[in-house]
Amino acid sequence: MDLKDIYTKIEATEGGADLVAAIKSEIEKLNAEAKKHREAGAAAQKEQETAAGKYGAILEALGIKDTENAAVQAKELKAAIDAFSASGKKPDEVAKEISSLTERLAGIEKELTDTRAAKEAETVKRVAALKSNGLMQALAKGNAANPEAISKILIDAVTVGENDELAMQQGENSVTIEDGVAAWLADNAWAVKLNASGGSGSGGNGGSSGDAFIDGFDNA
């Protein structure tokens, strides 16, 4: 059964048309947000690579290969140049160049740090969007009564692996997000949308509202 058939089935239930419209709207928002985060992450990655290239080019020009101790080696290089300039070179000009180079190195290091932090922040947002989108689709497939609300309950159990593959923790086991959601809905029938034809004999249930989703929250 594809998503179109699922939407058709949901629309046949009471209030199903509104629910389908809400699900489609949320999925479109999540897809747009995920695309934005992917593009932002790619831009941040490109910026980081550019900054790293600048940094590496400067170090290479100076003959510095140990990037972890670049600042120490730059100071040693400055001392060597100062000593060399004492033999008759223009020390003021040499000192000015070294000072400018030191400032550039500090600026590039800060740029790398800022770009890395921005990339990590975008990754967090993108992963959150992937989880929400995957849950919304799996819950819609399972005919959940309120996918948006239920996704917030289940999102902490969702993991993102290599190639953005989504999985869901089920006890000590890891299962596909579809299987995890299906199992959770099977154990929580109150969260599944009732068929419109299923309420003909529900008049004698005391305080029941006739909606298993609402009753599930009331009895929780």
N, C-alpha and C. Protein backbone atom coordinates (compact mmCIF):
# COMPACT_ATOMS: atom_id res chain seq x y z
N MET A 1 0.86 -1.20 0.00
CA MET A 1 0.00 0.00 0.00
C MET A 1 0.89 1.25 0.00
N ASP A 2 0.67 2.12 -1.01
CA ASP A 2 1.48 3.34 -1.04
C ASP A 2 0.79 4.46 -0.27
N LEU A 3 1.48 5.61 -0.19
CA LEU A 3 0.98 6.73 0.62
C LEU A 3 -0.35 7.26 0.11
N LYS A 4 -0.54 7.22 -1.21
CA LYS A 4 -1.80 7.71 -1.78
C LYS A 4 -2.97 6.87 -1.29
N ASP A 5 -2.78 5.54 -1.25
CA ASP A 5 -3.84 4.65 -0.76
C ASP A 5 -4.11 4.90 0.72
N ILE A 6 -3.03 5.18 1.46
CA ILE A 6 -3.19 5.45 2.89
C ILE A 6 -4.01 6.71 3.10
N TYR A 7 -3.71 7.75 2.32
CA TYR A 7 -4.47 8.99 2.43
C TYR A 7 -5.95 8.74 2.11
N THR A 8 -6.19 7.94 1.08
CA THR A 8 -7.57 7.63 0.69
C THR A 8 -8.30 6.92 1.83
N LYS A 9 -7.60 6.01 2.49
CA LYS A 9 -8.21 5.26 3.60
C LYS A 9 -8.50 6.19 4.79
N ILE A 10 -7.55 7.09 5.07
CA ILE A 10 -7.75 8.02 6.18
C ILE A 10 -8.92 8.96 5.90
N GLU A 11 -9.02 9.42 4.64
CA GLU A 11 -10.08 10.36 4.27
C GLU A 11 -11.46 9.73 4.45
N ALA A 12 -11.52 8.39 4.39
CA ALA A 12 -12.80 7.71 4.55
C ALA A 12 -13.26 7.66 6.00
N THR A 13 -12.36 8.02 6.93
CA THR A 13 -12.72 8.02 8.33
C THR A 13 -13.31 9.36 8.74
N GLU A 14 -13.86 9.41 9.91
CA GLU A 14 -14.47 10.65 10.40
C GLU A 14 -13.37 11.71 10.59
N GLY A 15 -13.57 12.85 9.99
CA GLY A 15 -12.58 13.92 10.06
C GLY A 15 -11.31 13.61 9.29
N GLY A 16 -11.35 12.60 8.44
CA GLY A 16 -10.15 12.16 7.74
C GLY A 16 -9.60 13.18 6.77
N ALA A 17 -10.46 13.91 6.09
CA ALA A 17 -10.00 14.89 5.10
C ALA A 17 -9.14 15.96 5.76
N ASP A 18 -9.60 16.44 6.91
CA ASP A 18 -8.82 17.45 7.64
C ASP A 18 -7.49 16.87 8.10
N LEU A 19 -7.52 15.62 8.56
CA LEU A 19 -6.30 14.98 9.04
C LEU A 19 -5.29 14.80 7.91
N VAL A 20 -5.75 14.38 6.74
CA VAL A 20 -4.87 14.21 5.58
C VAL A 20 -4.26 15.54 5.17
N ALA A 21 -5.09 16.58 5.16
CA ALA A 21 -4.59 17.91 4.80
C ALA A 21 -3.51 18.36 5.78
N ALA A 22 -3.74 18.10 7.07
CA ALA A 22 -2.77 18.50 8.10
C ALA A 22 -1.47 17.71 7.94
N ILE A 23 -1.59 16.41 7.67
CA ILE A 23 -0.42 15.56 7.50
C ILE A 23 0.40 16.02 6.29
N LYS A 24 -0.28 16.27 5.17
CA LYS A 24 0.42 16.71 3.97
C LYS A 24 1.13 18.04 4.21
N SER A 25 0.44 18.93 4.92
CA SER A 25 1.03 20.24 5.20
C SER A 25 2.28 20.11 6.04
N GLU A 26 2.22 19.27 7.09
CA GLU A 26 3.37 19.09 7.97
C GLU A 26 4.52 18.42 7.24
N ILE A 27 4.22 17.44 6.39
CA ILE A 27 5.28 16.74 5.65
C ILE A 27 5.96 17.70 4.67
N GLU A 28 5.16 18.56 4.02
CA GLU A 28 5.74 19.55 3.10
C GLU A 28 6.66 20.50 3.85
N LYS A 29 6.22 20.93 5.06
CA LYS A 29 7.05 21.83 5.86
C LYS A 29 8.36 21.14 6.25
N LEU A 30 8.27 19.89 6.68
CA LEU A 30 9.45 19.16 7.12
C LEU A 30 10.41 18.91 5.95
N ASN A 31 9.85 18.59 4.77
CA ASN A 31 10.69 18.38 3.60
C ASN A 31 11.43 19.66 3.22
N ALA A 32 10.69 20.79 3.29
CA ALA A 32 11.30 22.08 2.96
C ALA A 32 12.40 22.42 3.96
N GLU A 33 12.11 22.14 5.25
CA GLU A 33 13.09 22.44 6.29
C GLU A 33 14.32 21.55 6.14
N ALA A 34 14.10 20.28 5.83
CA ALA A 34 15.23 19.36 5.66
C ALA A 34 16.10 19.79 4.48
N LYS A 35 15.45 20.25 3.38
CA LYS A 35 16.20 20.72 2.22
C LYS A 35 17.04 21.94 2.58
N LYS A 36 16.42 22.85 3.36
CA LYS A 36 17.14 24.06 3.76
C LYS A 36 18.36 23.71 4.59
N HIS A 37 18.20 22.75 5.52
CA HIS A 37 19.32 22.37 6.38
C HIS A 37 20.41 21.65 5.58
N ARG A 38 19.99 20.85 4.59
CA ARG A 38 20.99 20.18 3.75
C ARG A 38 21.82 21.20 2.98
N GLU A 39 21.12 22.20 2.42
CA GLU A 39 21.82 23.23 1.65
C GLU A 39 22.74 24.05 2.55
N ALA A 40 22.23 24.38 3.76
CA ALA A 40 23.05 25.15 4.70
C ALA A 40 24.27 24.35 5.14
N GLY A 41 24.08 23.05 5.36
CA GLY A 41 25.18 22.19 5.76
C GLY A 41 26.24 22.09 4.65
N ALA A 42 25.77 22.00 3.39
CA ALA A 42 26.71 21.94 2.27
C ALA A 42 27.49 23.24 2.15
N ALA A 43 26.79 24.37 2.36
CA ALA A 43 27.47 25.68 2.28
C ALA A 43 28.51 25.81 3.39
N ALA A 44 28.14 25.35 4.61
CA ALA A 44 29.08 25.42 5.73
C ALA A 44 30.30 24.53 5.48
N GLN A 45 30.05 23.37 4.88
CA GLN A 45 31.16 22.46 4.55
C GLN A 45 32.10 23.10 3.54
N LYS A 46 31.51 23.78 2.54
CA LYS A 46 32.33 24.44 1.51
C LYS A 46 33.16 25.56 2.12
N GLU A 47 32.53 26.34 3.03
CA GLU A 47 33.25 27.42 3.70
C GLU A 47 34.41 26.88 4.53
N GLN A 48 34.14 25.77 5.23
CA GLN A 48 35.19 25.18 6.06
C GLN A 48 36.35 24.69 5.20
N GLU A 49 36.03 24.07 4.05
CA GLU A 49 37.08 23.58 3.17
C GLU A 49 37.90 24.75 2.59
N THR A 50 37.20 25.86 2.27
CA THR A 50 37.90 27.03 1.74
C THR A 50 38.84 27.61 2.78
N ALA A 51 38.32 27.75 4.03
CA ALA A 51 39.14 28.28 5.11
C ALA A 51 40.34 27.37 5.39
N ALA A 52 40.09 26.07 5.37
CA ALA A 52 41.18 25.11 5.61
C ALA A 52 42.23 25.21 4.51
N GLY A 53 41.75 25.44 3.27
CA GLY A 53 42.69 25.59 2.15
C GLY A 53 43.58 26.82 2.31
N LYS A 54 42.97 27.94 2.76
CA LYS A 54 43.75 29.16 2.98
C LYS A 54 44.81 28.92 4.07
N TYR A 55 44.35 28.32 5.15
CA TYR A 55 45.24 28.05 6.28
C TYR A 55 46.40 27.15 5.86
N GLY A 56 46.05 26.10 5.11
CA GLY A 56 47.07 25.17 4.67
C GLY A 56 48.06 25.80 3.71
N ALA A 57 47.55 26.70 2.83
CA ALA A 57 48.43 27.34 1.86
C ALA A 57 49.45 28.24 2.56
N ILE A 58 48.99 28.96 3.58
CA ILE A 58 49.91 29.84 4.32
C ILE A 58 50.97 29.02 5.04
N LEU A 59 50.54 27.94 5.70
CA LEU A 59 51.50 27.10 6.41
C LEU A 59 52.50 26.46 5.45
N GLU A 60 52.00 26.06 4.29
CA GLU A 60 52.88 25.44 3.29
C GLU A 60 53.91 26.44 2.80
N ALA A 61 53.46 27.69 2.56
CA ALA A 61 54.38 28.72 2.10
C ALA A 61 55.46 29.00 3.13
N LEU A 62 55.11 28.83 4.41
CA LEU A 62 56.08 29.07 5.47
C LEU A 62 56.93 27.84 5.78
N GLY A 63 56.58 26.73 5.14
CA GLY A 63 57.32 25.49 5.38
C GLY A 63 56.94 24.82 6.68
N ILE A 64 55.74 25.12 7.18
CA ILE A 64 55.27 24.53 8.45
C ILE A 64 54.36 23.34 8.12
N LYS A 65 54.75 22.16 8.56
CA LYS A 65 53.99 20.95 8.28
C LYS A 65 53.19 20.46 9.48
N ASP A 66 53.63 20.79 10.69
CA ASP A 66 52.94 20.35 11.90
C ASP A 66 51.85 21.37 12.23
N THR A 67 50.62 21.13 11.72
CA THR A 67 49.53 22.10 11.89
C THR A 67 49.09 22.23 13.34
N GLU A 68 49.28 21.19 14.14
CA GLU A 68 48.85 21.26 15.54
C GLU A 68 49.70 22.23 16.34
N ASN A 69 50.95 22.40 15.92
CA ASN A 69 51.87 23.31 16.63
C ASN A 69 52.27 24.49 15.73
N ALA A 70 51.32 24.90 14.87
CA ALA A 70 51.62 25.94 13.89
C ALA A 70 52.02 27.26 14.56
N ALA A 71 51.31 27.63 15.64
CA ALA A 71 51.61 28.90 16.31
C ALA A 71 53.02 28.90 16.88
N VAL A 72 53.43 27.79 17.49
CA VAL A 72 54.78 27.69 18.06
C VAL A 72 55.82 27.80 16.95
N GLN A 73 55.58 27.10 15.85
CA GLN A 73 56.54 27.12 14.75
C GLN A 73 56.60 28.50 14.09
N ALA A 74 55.46 29.20 14.05
CA ALA A 74 55.45 30.55 13.48
C ALA A 74 56.30 31.50 14.35
N LYS A 75 56.24 31.33 15.67
CA LYS A 75 57.06 32.14 16.57
C LYS A 75 58.55 31.84 16.38
N GLU A 76 58.84 30.55 16.20
CA GLU A 76 60.22 30.17 15.97
C GLU A 76 60.73 30.75 14.65
N LEU A 77 59.86 30.74 13.63
CA LEU A 77 60.22 31.31 12.34
C LEU A 77 60.49 32.80 12.47
N LYS A 78 59.65 33.48 13.26
CA LYS A 78 59.84 34.92 13.47
C LYS A 78 61.20 35.19 14.13
N ALA A 79 61.55 34.39 15.11
CA ALA A 79 62.84 34.57 15.79
C ALA A 79 64.00 34.37 14.82
N ALA A 80 63.84 33.37 13.94
CA ALA A 80 64.90 33.11 12.96
C ALA A 80 65.05 34.27 12.00
N ILE A 81 63.91 34.84 11.55
CA ILE A 81 63.96 35.97 10.62
C ILE A 81 64.54 37.20 11.29
N ASP A 82 64.16 37.40 12.56
CA ASP A 82 64.72 38.53 13.32
C ASP A 82 66.24 38.42 13.40
N ALA A 83 66.71 37.22 13.66
CA ALA A 83 68.15 37.00 13.76
C ALA A 83 68.82 37.25 12.41
N PHE A 84 68.13 36.80 11.35
CA PHE A 84 68.68 36.99 10.01
C PHE A 84 68.72 38.48 9.64
N SER A 85 67.67 39.20 10.01
CA SER A 85 67.60 40.62 9.67
C SER A 85 68.66 41.44 10.39
N ALA A 86 69.17 40.92 11.48
CA ALA A 86 70.20 41.63 12.24
C ALA A 86 71.50 41.77 11.45
N SER A 87 71.62 40.98 10.40
CA SER A 87 72.85 41.03 9.61
C SER A 87 72.83 42.14 8.57
N GLY A 88 71.76 42.92 8.51
CA GLY A 88 71.73 44.03 7.57
C GLY A 88 70.40 44.22 6.88
N LYS A 89 69.44 43.30 7.05
CA LYS A 89 68.12 43.47 6.45
C LYS A 89 67.35 44.54 7.21
N LYS A 90 66.17 44.92 6.68
CA LYS A 90 65.36 45.94 7.33
C LYS A 90 64.47 45.28 8.39
N PRO A 91 64.84 45.40 9.65
CA PRO A 91 64.09 44.70 10.70
C PRO A 91 62.65 45.19 10.86
N ASP A 92 62.41 46.49 10.64
CA ASP A 92 61.05 47.01 10.80
C ASP A 92 60.09 46.38 9.79
N GLU A 93 60.56 46.25 8.57
CA GLU A 93 59.72 45.67 7.53
C GLU A 93 59.48 44.19 7.79
N VAL A 94 60.54 43.49 8.22
CA VAL A 94 60.39 42.07 8.53
C VAL A 94 59.42 41.86 9.69
N ALA A 95 59.55 42.70 10.74
CA ALA A 95 58.67 42.58 11.90
C ALA A 95 57.22 42.84 11.53
N LYS A 96 57.01 43.82 10.63
CA LYS A 96 55.65 44.16 10.21
C LYS A 96 55.02 43.00 9.45
N GLU A 97 55.80 42.38 8.58
CA GLU A 97 55.28 41.24 7.82
C GLU A 97 54.93 40.08 8.74
N ILE A 98 55.79 39.80 9.70
CA ILE A 98 55.54 38.70 10.63
C ILE A 98 54.30 39.00 11.47
N SER A 99 54.15 40.24 11.92
CA SER A 99 52.99 40.62 12.71
C SER A 99 51.70 40.44 11.91
N SER A 100 51.75 40.86 10.64
CA SER A 100 50.58 40.71 9.77
C SER A 100 50.24 39.24 9.55
N LEU A 101 51.29 38.43 9.34
CA LEU A 101 51.08 37.00 9.13
C LEU A 101 50.48 36.35 10.37
N THR A 102 50.96 36.73 11.54
CA THR A 102 50.43 36.17 12.79
C THR A 102 48.95 36.50 12.94
N GLU A 103 48.58 37.73 12.60
CA GLU A 103 47.17 38.14 12.68
C GLU A 103 46.30 37.34 11.70
N ARG A 104 46.85 37.13 10.50
CA ARG A 104 46.10 36.35 9.50
C ARG A 104 45.89 34.92 9.97
N LEU A 105 46.93 34.33 10.56
CA LEU A 105 46.80 32.97 11.08
C LEU A 105 45.73 32.89 12.17
N ALA A 106 45.74 33.88 13.06
CA ALA A 106 44.74 33.90 14.14
C ALA A 106 43.33 34.04 13.56
N GLY A 107 43.19 34.88 12.52
CA GLY A 107 41.89 35.07 11.90
C GLY A 107 41.39 33.81 11.22
N ILE A 108 42.29 33.10 10.55
CA ILE A 108 41.90 31.87 9.86
C ILE A 108 41.51 30.79 10.87
N GLU A 109 42.24 30.70 11.98
CA GLU A 109 41.91 29.72 13.01
C GLU A 109 40.51 30.00 13.58
N LYS A 110 40.19 31.29 13.78
CA LYS A 110 38.86 31.65 14.28
C LYS A 110 37.79 31.32 13.25
N GLU A 111 38.10 31.58 11.98
CA GLU A 111 37.16 31.27 10.91
C GLU A 111 36.86 29.78 10.85
N LEU A 112 37.91 28.97 11.00
CA LEU A 112 37.73 27.52 11.01
C LEU A 112 36.85 27.07 12.17
N THR A 113 37.10 27.65 13.35
CA THR A 113 36.32 27.29 14.55
C THR A 113 34.86 27.68 14.38
N ASP A 114 34.61 28.89 13.89
CA ASP A 114 33.23 29.37 13.70
C ASP A 114 32.50 28.54 12.65
N THR A 115 33.19 28.20 11.55
CA THR A 115 32.57 27.42 10.49
C THR A 115 32.22 26.01 10.98
N ARG A 116 33.15 25.44 11.78
CA ARG A 116 32.90 24.11 12.32
C ARG A 116 31.69 24.11 13.25
N ALA A 117 31.57 25.15 14.09
CA ALA A 117 30.43 25.26 15.01
C ALA A 117 29.13 25.42 14.24
N ALA A 118 29.15 26.23 13.16
CA ALA A 118 27.94 26.43 12.36
C ALA A 118 27.52 25.13 11.67
N LYS A 119 28.52 24.38 11.20
CA LYS A 119 28.21 23.10 10.54
C LYS A 119 27.58 22.12 11.53
N GLU A 120 28.11 22.08 12.75
CA GLU A 120 27.56 21.17 13.77
C GLU A 120 26.13 21.55 14.12
N ALA A 121 25.85 22.87 14.21
CA ALA A 121 24.49 23.33 14.52
C ALA A 121 23.53 22.95 13.40
N GLU A 122 23.95 23.11 12.15
CA GLU A 122 23.09 22.75 11.02
C GLU A 122 22.85 21.25 10.98
N THR A 123 23.87 20.47 11.36
CA THR A 123 23.71 19.01 11.38
C THR A 123 22.65 18.60 12.40
N VAL A 124 22.67 19.24 13.57
CA VAL A 124 21.67 18.95 14.61
C VAL A 124 20.27 19.23 14.09
N LYS A 125 20.09 20.39 13.43
CA LYS A 125 18.77 20.75 12.90
C LYS A 125 18.33 19.79 11.80
N ARG A 126 19.27 19.41 10.93
CA ARG A 126 18.92 18.52 9.82
C ARG A 126 18.51 17.14 10.34
N VAL A 127 19.23 16.64 11.34
CA VAL A 127 18.90 15.32 11.92
C VAL A 127 17.51 15.36 12.57
N ALA A 128 17.20 16.46 13.27
CA ALA A 128 15.88 16.58 13.90
C ALA A 128 14.78 16.59 12.85
N ALA A 129 15.02 17.28 11.73
CA ALA A 129 14.03 17.33 10.66
C ALA A 129 13.85 15.95 10.02
N LEU A 130 14.95 15.22 9.83
CA LEU A 130 14.87 13.86 9.28
C LEU A 130 14.04 12.94 10.17
N LYS A 131 14.28 13.03 11.48
CA LYS A 131 13.53 12.19 12.43
C LYS A 131 12.04 12.50 12.36
N SER A 132 11.69 13.80 12.42
CA SER A 132 10.29 14.20 12.43
C SER A 132 9.60 13.78 11.14
N ASN A 133 10.28 13.98 10.01
CA ASN A 133 9.71 13.63 8.72
C ASN A 133 9.46 12.13 8.62
N GLY A 134 10.45 11.34 9.05
CA GLY A 134 10.30 9.89 9.00
C GLY A 134 9.17 9.39 9.89
N LEU A 135 9.07 9.97 11.09
CA LEU A 135 7.99 9.57 12.00
C LEU A 135 6.63 9.94 11.44
N MET A 136 6.50 11.16 10.89
CA MET A 136 5.22 11.60 10.35
C MET A 136 4.74 10.66 9.24
N GLN A 137 5.66 10.26 8.37
CA GLN A 137 5.27 9.37 7.28
C GLN A 137 4.89 7.98 7.80
N ALA A 138 5.68 7.46 8.75
CA ALA A 138 5.38 6.13 9.30
C ALA A 138 4.06 6.14 10.08
N LEU A 139 3.79 7.21 10.80
CA LEU A 139 2.54 7.32 11.56
C LEU A 139 1.35 7.48 10.64
N ALA A 140 1.53 8.21 9.54
CA ALA A 140 0.45 8.35 8.57
C ALA A 140 0.13 6.99 7.95
N LYS A 141 1.18 6.23 7.65
CA LYS A 141 0.99 4.89 7.09
C LYS A 141 0.26 3.98 8.07
N GLY A 142 0.53 4.17 9.37
CA GLY A 142 -0.12 3.36 10.39
C GLY A 142 -1.49 3.88 10.81
N ASN A 143 -2.00 4.93 10.11
CA ASN A 143 -3.32 5.48 10.40
C ASN A 143 -3.41 6.03 11.82
N ALA A 144 -2.33 6.69 12.27
CA ALA A 144 -2.33 7.28 13.60
C ALA A 144 -3.33 8.42 13.67
N ALA A 145 -3.95 8.59 14.83
CA ALA A 145 -4.98 9.62 15.00
C ALA A 145 -4.39 11.02 14.94
N ASN A 146 -3.20 11.20 15.50
CA ASN A 146 -2.58 12.53 15.53
C ASN A 146 -1.07 12.37 15.35
N PRO A 147 -0.61 12.21 14.10
CA PRO A 147 0.81 11.97 13.85
C PRO A 147 1.73 13.03 14.45
N GLU A 148 1.33 14.29 14.38
CA GLU A 148 2.21 15.35 14.88
C GLU A 148 2.44 15.21 16.39
N ALA A 149 1.36 14.97 17.16
CA ALA A 149 1.49 14.84 18.61
C ALA A 149 2.25 13.57 18.98
N ILE A 150 1.94 12.46 18.30
CA ILE A 150 2.58 11.18 18.63
C ILE A 150 4.05 11.18 18.25
N SER A 151 4.40 11.90 17.17
CA SER A 151 5.81 11.95 16.77
C SER A 151 6.68 12.55 17.86
N LYS A 152 6.13 13.47 18.64
CA LYS A 152 6.90 14.08 19.73
C LYS A 152 7.15 13.08 20.86
N ILE A 153 6.24 12.11 21.00
CA ILE A 153 6.40 11.07 22.02
C ILE A 153 7.52 10.09 21.61
N LEU A 154 7.60 9.80 20.31
CA LEU A 154 8.49 8.74 19.83
C LEU A 154 9.85 9.23 19.34
N ILE A 155 10.02 10.54 19.17
CA ILE A 155 11.21 11.04 18.47
C ILE A 155 12.52 10.67 19.16
N ASP A 156 12.52 10.57 20.51
CA ASP A 156 13.76 10.24 21.22
C ASP A 156 14.22 8.81 20.95
N ALA A 157 13.31 7.96 20.46
CA ALA A 157 13.67 6.57 20.18
C ALA A 157 14.22 6.39 18.77
N VAL A 158 14.19 7.45 17.97
CA VAL A 158 14.63 7.36 16.57
C VAL A 158 16.12 7.69 16.48
N THR A 159 16.84 6.93 15.68
CA THR A 159 18.27 7.17 15.45
C THR A 159 18.51 7.37 13.96
N VAL A 160 19.58 8.09 13.64
CA VAL A 160 19.95 8.34 12.24
C VAL A 160 21.33 7.73 12.01
N GLY A 161 21.40 6.78 11.08
CA GLY A 161 22.66 6.11 10.80
C GLY A 161 23.34 6.63 9.55
N GLU A 162 24.17 5.79 8.96
CA GLU A 162 24.88 6.17 7.74
C GLU A 162 23.90 6.40 6.61
N ASN A 163 24.23 7.35 5.73
CA ASN A 163 23.38 7.70 4.60
C ASN A 163 21.98 8.13 5.04
N ASP A 164 21.91 8.72 6.24
CA ASP A 164 20.64 9.23 6.79
C ASP A 164 19.60 8.13 6.95
N GLU A 165 20.03 6.90 7.19
CA GLU A 165 19.09 5.79 7.37
C GLU A 165 18.48 5.88 8.76
N LEU A 166 17.15 5.89 8.82
CA LEU A 166 16.43 6.01 10.08
C LEU A 166 16.15 4.64 10.68
N ALA A 167 16.26 4.55 11.99
CA ALA A 167 15.94 3.32 12.72
C ALA A 167 15.26 3.71 14.02
N MET A 168 14.74 2.73 14.73
CA MET A 168 14.03 3.01 15.97
C MET A 168 14.41 1.96 17.01
N GLN A 169 14.73 2.43 18.22
CA GLN A 169 15.07 1.52 19.30
C GLN A 169 13.81 0.87 19.85
N GLN A 170 13.84 -0.45 19.95
CA GLN A 170 12.72 -1.21 20.49
C GLN A 170 13.32 -2.14 21.56
N GLY A 171 13.34 -1.62 22.79
CA GLY A 171 14.05 -2.34 23.85
C GLY A 171 15.54 -2.26 23.59
N GLU A 172 16.19 -3.42 23.52
CA GLU A 172 17.62 -3.47 23.21
C GLU A 172 17.88 -3.64 21.72
N ASN A 173 16.82 -3.75 20.93
CA ASN A 173 16.96 -3.99 19.50
C ASN A 173 16.74 -2.71 18.70
N SER A 174 17.31 -2.69 17.50
CA SER A 174 17.11 -1.58 16.58
C SER A 174 16.35 -2.10 15.37
N VAL A 175 15.20 -1.48 15.07
CA VAL A 175 14.36 -1.92 13.95
C VAL A 175 14.15 -0.74 13.01
N THR A 176 13.56 -1.01 11.86
CA THR A 176 13.24 0.09 10.94
C THR A 176 12.19 0.98 11.60
N ILE A 177 12.16 2.23 11.17
CA ILE A 177 11.21 3.17 11.78
C ILE A 177 9.77 2.75 11.50
N GLU A 178 9.53 2.15 10.32
CA GLU A 178 8.17 1.68 10.00
C GLU A 178 7.75 0.56 10.95
N ASP A 179 8.67 -0.41 11.18
CA ASP A 179 8.35 -1.53 12.08
C ASP A 179 8.19 -1.05 13.51
N GLY A 180 9.04 -0.11 13.92
CA GLY A 180 8.96 0.41 15.29
C GLY A 180 7.66 1.13 15.55
N VAL A 181 7.25 1.97 14.60
CA VAL A 181 6.00 2.72 14.74
C VAL A 181 4.80 1.75 14.71
N ALA A 182 4.84 0.78 13.80
CA ALA A 182 3.75 -0.19 13.71
C ALA A 182 3.59 -0.96 15.02
N ALA A 183 4.72 -1.36 15.62
CA ALA A 183 4.66 -2.10 16.89
C ALA A 183 4.11 -1.21 18.00
N TRP A 184 4.54 0.06 18.01
CA TRP A 184 4.06 0.97 19.06
C TRP A 184 2.57 1.21 18.92
N LEU A 185 2.08 1.39 17.71
CA LEU A 185 0.64 1.60 17.48
C LEU A 185 -0.16 0.35 17.85
N ALA A 186 0.43 -0.83 17.59
CA ALA A 186 -0.26 -2.07 17.94
C ALA A 186 -0.43 -2.20 19.45
N ASP A 187 0.54 -1.66 20.21
CA ASP A 187 0.47 -1.71 21.67
C ASP A 187 -0.31 -0.55 22.27
N ASN A 188 -0.64 0.43 21.44
CA ASN A 188 -1.36 1.62 21.91
C ASN A 188 -2.52 1.91 20.96
N ALA A 189 -3.53 1.04 21.02
CA ALA A 189 -4.66 1.15 20.10
C ALA A 189 -5.39 2.48 20.20
N TRP A 190 -5.31 3.13 21.36
CA TRP A 190 -5.98 4.42 21.52
C TRP A 190 -5.41 5.48 20.58
N ALA A 191 -4.20 5.26 20.09
CA ALA A 191 -3.55 6.26 19.24
C ALA A 191 -3.86 6.07 17.76
N VAL A 192 -4.63 5.03 17.42
CA VAL A 192 -4.98 4.75 16.04
C VAL A 192 -6.34 5.32 15.72
N LYS A 193 -6.49 5.95 14.56
CA LYS A 193 -7.75 6.57 14.16
C LYS A 193 -8.83 5.53 14.02
N LEU A 194 -10.01 5.79 14.62
CA LEU A 194 -11.14 4.89 14.51
C LEU A 194 -11.80 5.02 13.14
N ASN A 195 -12.28 3.90 12.59
CA ASN A 195 -13.06 3.96 11.36
C ASN A 195 -14.43 4.55 11.66
N ALA A 196 -14.95 5.31 10.71
CA ALA A 196 -16.24 5.97 10.93
C ALA A 196 -17.35 4.97 11.19
N SER A 197 -17.23 3.76 10.62
CA SER A 197 -18.29 2.76 10.75
C SER A 197 -18.16 1.95 12.02
N GLY A 198 -17.15 2.23 12.84
CA GLY A 198 -16.91 1.37 13.99
C GLY A 198 -17.59 1.82 15.25
N GLY A 199 -18.36 2.92 15.21
CA GLY A 199 -18.92 3.43 16.45
C GLY A 199 -20.39 3.18 16.63
N SER A 200 -21.00 2.27 15.86
CA SER A 200 -22.44 2.10 15.92
C SER A 200 -22.90 1.55 17.24
N GLY A 201 -22.08 0.78 17.92
CA GLY A 201 -22.54 0.19 19.18
C GLY A 201 -21.85 0.77 20.38
N SER A 202 -21.37 2.01 20.30
CA SER A 202 -20.55 2.56 21.38
C SER A 202 -21.34 3.37 22.38
N GLY A 203 -22.64 3.40 22.27
CA GLY A 203 -23.44 4.26 23.13
C GLY A 203 -23.45 3.85 24.57
N GLY A 204 -23.13 2.59 24.90
CA GLY A 204 -23.23 2.14 26.29
C GLY A 204 -21.92 2.12 27.01
N ASN A 205 -20.93 2.94 26.60
CA ASN A 205 -19.60 2.89 27.21
C ASN A 205 -19.41 3.93 28.28
N GLY A 206 -20.45 4.36 28.91
CA GLY A 206 -20.34 5.30 30.02
C GLY A 206 -19.80 6.63 29.56
N GLY A 207 -18.61 7.02 30.11
CA GLY A 207 -18.03 8.33 29.81
C GLY A 207 -17.17 8.33 28.57
N SER A 208 -17.20 7.29 27.74
CA SER A 208 -16.36 7.25 26.55
C SER A 208 -16.79 8.32 25.57
N SER A 209 -15.81 8.96 24.94
CA SER A 209 -16.11 10.00 23.95
C SER A 209 -16.40 9.40 22.59
N GLY A 210 -16.07 8.11 22.40
CA GLY A 210 -16.21 7.50 21.10
C GLY A 210 -14.97 7.63 20.24
N ASP A 211 -13.99 8.36 20.72
CA ASP A 211 -12.72 8.54 20.01
C ASP A 211 -11.62 7.91 20.85
N ALA A 212 -11.03 6.82 20.34
CA ALA A 212 -10.03 6.09 21.13
C ALA A 212 -8.82 6.94 21.45
N PHE A 213 -8.47 7.88 20.56
CA PHE A 213 -7.30 8.74 20.79
C PHE A 213 -7.52 9.62 22.02
N ILE A 214 -8.69 10.28 22.08
CA ILE A 214 -9.02 11.13 23.22
C ILE A 214 -9.16 10.31 24.48
N ASP A 215 -9.87 9.18 24.39
CA ASP A 215 -10.06 8.31 25.57
C ASP A 215 -8.72 7.79 26.07
N GLY A 216 -7.77 7.52 25.15
CA GLY A 216 -6.46 7.03 25.55
C GLY A 216 -5.74 8.04 26.41
N PHE A 217 -5.82 9.34 26.06
CA PHE A 217 -5.20 10.38 26.88
C PHE A 217 -5.94 10.53 28.20
N ASP A 218 -7.29 10.46 28.16
CA ASP A 218 -8.06 10.62 29.40
C ASP A 218 -7.78 9.52 30.39
N ASN A 219 -7.51 8.30 29.87
CA ASN A 219 -7.30 7.15 30.76
C ASN A 219 -5.84 6.89 31.05
N ALA A 220 -4.96 7.72 30.48
CA ALA A 220 -3.51 7.50 30.68
C ALA A 220 -3.11 7.78 32.10
